[in-house]
Amino acid sequence: MVIRVQEPRARRVQCNRCSEVFCFKCRQMYHAPTDCATIRKWLTKCADDSETANYISAHTKDCPKCNICIEKNGGCNHM
């Protein structure tokens, strides 16, 4: 499919074939009223947060009494 516009700016576009809705300028999901730079920063932050969650799940355990995340970083094998 080819989509033509007079000026390339952020606008809502819907594909006639698959009905997907996206931003014409950055080709991400449509993100009004936010501009393209802000949505790019947000998606980067979300990706960084998922890596943090992966680290937490791999290297920490919940305290049996208060359920707060704790990390063992030295000492004996007992927590």
C-alpha atoms as a PDB file:
ATOM      1  CA  MET A   1       0.000   0.000   0.000  1.00  0.00           C
ATOM      2  CA  VAL A   2       1.139   3.545  -0.703  1.00  0.00           C
ATOM      3  CA  ILE A   3       0.017   6.458   1.443  1.00  0.00           C
ATOM      4  CA  ARG A   4       0.466   9.981   0.111  1.00  0.00           C
ATOM      5  CA  VAL A   5       0.262  13.206   2.083  1.00  0.00           C
ATOM      6  CA  GLN A   6       0.986  16.828   1.279  1.00  0.00           C
ATOM      7  CA  GLU A   7       3.317  17.365   4.245  1.00  0.00           C
ATOM      8  CA  PRO A   8       4.981  14.633   6.342  1.00  0.00           C
ATOM      9  CA  ARG A   9       3.793  15.366   9.855  1.00  0.00           C
ATOM     10  CA  ALA A  10       2.438  13.329  12.739  1.00  0.00           C
ATOM     11  CA  ARG A  11      -1.063  12.228  11.847  1.00  0.00           C
ATOM     12  CA  ARG A  12      -3.328   9.241  12.253  1.00  0.00           C
ATOM     13  CA  VAL A  13      -3.201   6.842   9.318  1.00  0.00           C
ATOM     14  CA  GLN A  14      -5.168   3.635   8.868  1.00  0.00           C
ATOM     15  CA  CYS A  15      -4.202   0.986   6.357  1.00  0.00           C
ATOM     16  CA  ASN A  16      -7.075   0.040   4.055  1.00  0.00           C
ATOM     17  CA  ARG A  17      -5.832  -3.523   3.697  1.00  0.00           C
ATOM     18  CA  CYS A  18      -5.077  -4.612   7.303  1.00  0.00           C
ATOM     19  CA  SER A  19      -6.825  -1.773   9.250  1.00  0.00           C
ATOM     20  CA  GLU A  20      -3.734  -1.065  11.351  1.00  0.00           C
ATOM     21  CA  VAL A  21      -3.642   2.467  12.791  1.00  0.00           C
ATOM     22  CA  PHE A  22      -0.278   4.226  13.126  1.00  0.00           C
ATOM     23  CA  CYS A  23       1.484   7.609  13.117  1.00  0.00           C
ATOM     24  CA  PHE A  24       2.586   8.649   9.628  1.00  0.00           C
ATOM     25  CA  LYS A  25       5.718  10.469  10.809  1.00  0.00           C
ATOM     26  CA  CYS A  26       7.328   7.920  13.162  1.00  0.00           C
ATOM     27  CA  ARG A  27       5.466   4.744  12.074  1.00  0.00           C
ATOM     28  CA  GLN A  28       4.760   3.808  15.693  1.00  0.00           C
ATOM     29  CA  MET A  29       1.299   3.187  17.133  1.00  0.00           C
ATOM     30  CA  TYR A  30      -0.843   6.317  16.921  1.00  0.00           C
ATOM     31  CA  HIS A  31      -0.019   8.441  19.968  1.00  0.00           C
ATOM     32  CA  ALA A  32      -2.092  11.649  19.983  1.00  0.00           C
ATOM     33  CA  PRO A  33      -1.885  14.073  21.753  1.00  0.00           C
ATOM     34  CA  THR A  34       1.776  13.222  22.450  1.00  0.00           C
ATOM     35  CA  ASP A  35       4.459  14.131  19.920  1.00  0.00           C
ATOM     36  CA  CYS A  36       6.740  11.554  18.278  1.00  0.00           C
ATOM     37  CA  ALA A  37       9.826  12.367  20.384  1.00  0.00           C
ATOM     38  CA  THR A  38       7.924  11.884  23.642  1.00  0.00           C
ATOM     39  CA  ILE A  39       6.480   8.526  22.594  1.00  0.00           C
ATOM     40  CA  ARG A  40       9.944   7.367  21.493  1.00  0.00           C
ATOM     41  CA  LYS A  41      11.347   8.248  24.944  1.00  0.00           C
ATOM     42  CA  TRP A  42       8.417   6.477  26.621  1.00  0.00           C
ATOM     43  CA  LEU A  43       8.924   3.273  24.621  1.00  0.00           C
ATOM     44  CA  THR A  44      12.656   3.344  25.420  1.00  0.00           C
ATOM     45  CA  LYS A  45      11.884   3.757  29.115  1.00  0.00           C
ATOM     46  CA  CYS A  46       9.435   0.855  29.034  1.00  0.00           C
ATOM     47  CA  ALA A  47      12.045  -1.356  27.393  1.00  0.00           C
ATOM     48  CA  ASP A  48      14.601  -0.370  30.059  1.00  0.00           C
ATOM     49  CA  ASP A  49      12.076  -1.156  32.807  1.00  0.00           C
ATOM     50  CA  SER A  50      11.543  -4.655  31.455  1.00  0.00           C
ATOM     51  CA  GLU A  51      15.284  -5.329  31.716  1.00  0.00           C
ATOM     52  CA  THR A  52      15.164  -4.114  35.311  1.00  0.00           C
ATOM     53  CA  ALA A  53      12.287  -6.495  36.017  1.00  0.00           C
ATOM     54  CA  ASN A  54      14.278  -9.371  34.468  1.00  0.00           C
ATOM     55  CA  TYR A  55      17.252  -8.597  36.715  1.00  0.00           C
ATOM     56  CA  ILE A  56      15.074  -8.379  39.813  1.00  0.00           C
ATOM     57  CA  SER A  57      13.382 -11.703  39.115  1.00  0.00           C
ATOM     58  CA  ALA A  58      16.730 -13.424  38.431  1.00  0.00           C
ATOM     59  CA  HIS A  59      18.772 -12.033  41.349  1.00  0.00           C
ATOM     60  CA  THR A  60      16.364 -11.380  44.218  1.00  0.00           C
ATOM     61  CA  LYS A  61      13.958 -13.234  46.462  1.00  0.00           C
ATOM     62  CA  ASP A  62      11.032 -12.003  48.535  1.00  0.00           C
ATOM     63  CA  CYS A  63      11.545 -11.772  52.290  1.00  0.00           C
ATOM     64  CA  PRO A  64       9.376 -14.452  53.951  1.00  0.00           C
ATOM     65  CA  LYS A  65       8.174 -12.014  56.639  1.00  0.00           C
ATOM     66  CA  CYS A  66       7.575  -8.669  54.899  1.00  0.00           C
ATOM     67  CA  ASN A  67       7.629  -9.700  51.180  1.00  0.00           C
ATOM     68  CA  ILE A  68      10.088  -6.971  50.161  1.00  0.00           C
ATOM     69  CA  CYS A  69      12.669  -7.864  47.492  1.00  0.00           C
ATOM     70  CA  ILE A  70      16.083  -8.713  48.950  1.00  0.00           C
ATOM     71  CA  GLU A  71      19.331  -9.456  47.145  1.00  0.00           C
ATOM     72  CA  LYS A  72      22.078 -11.692  48.435  1.00  0.00           C
ATOM     73  CA  ASN A  73      25.409 -10.163  47.477  1.00  0.00           C
ATOM     74  CA  GLY A  74      27.888 -12.029  49.665  1.00  0.00           C
ATOM     75  CA  GLY A  75      28.366 -14.230  52.715  1.00  0.00           C
ATOM     76  CA  CYS A  76      27.148 -17.784  53.261  1.00  0.00           C
ATOM     77  CA  ASN A  77      24.570 -19.719  51.238  1.00  0.00           C
ATOM     78  CA  HIS A  78      21.752 -19.090  53.731  1.00  0.00           C
ATOM     79  CA  MET A  79      19.340 -16.153  53.552  1.00  0.00           C
END
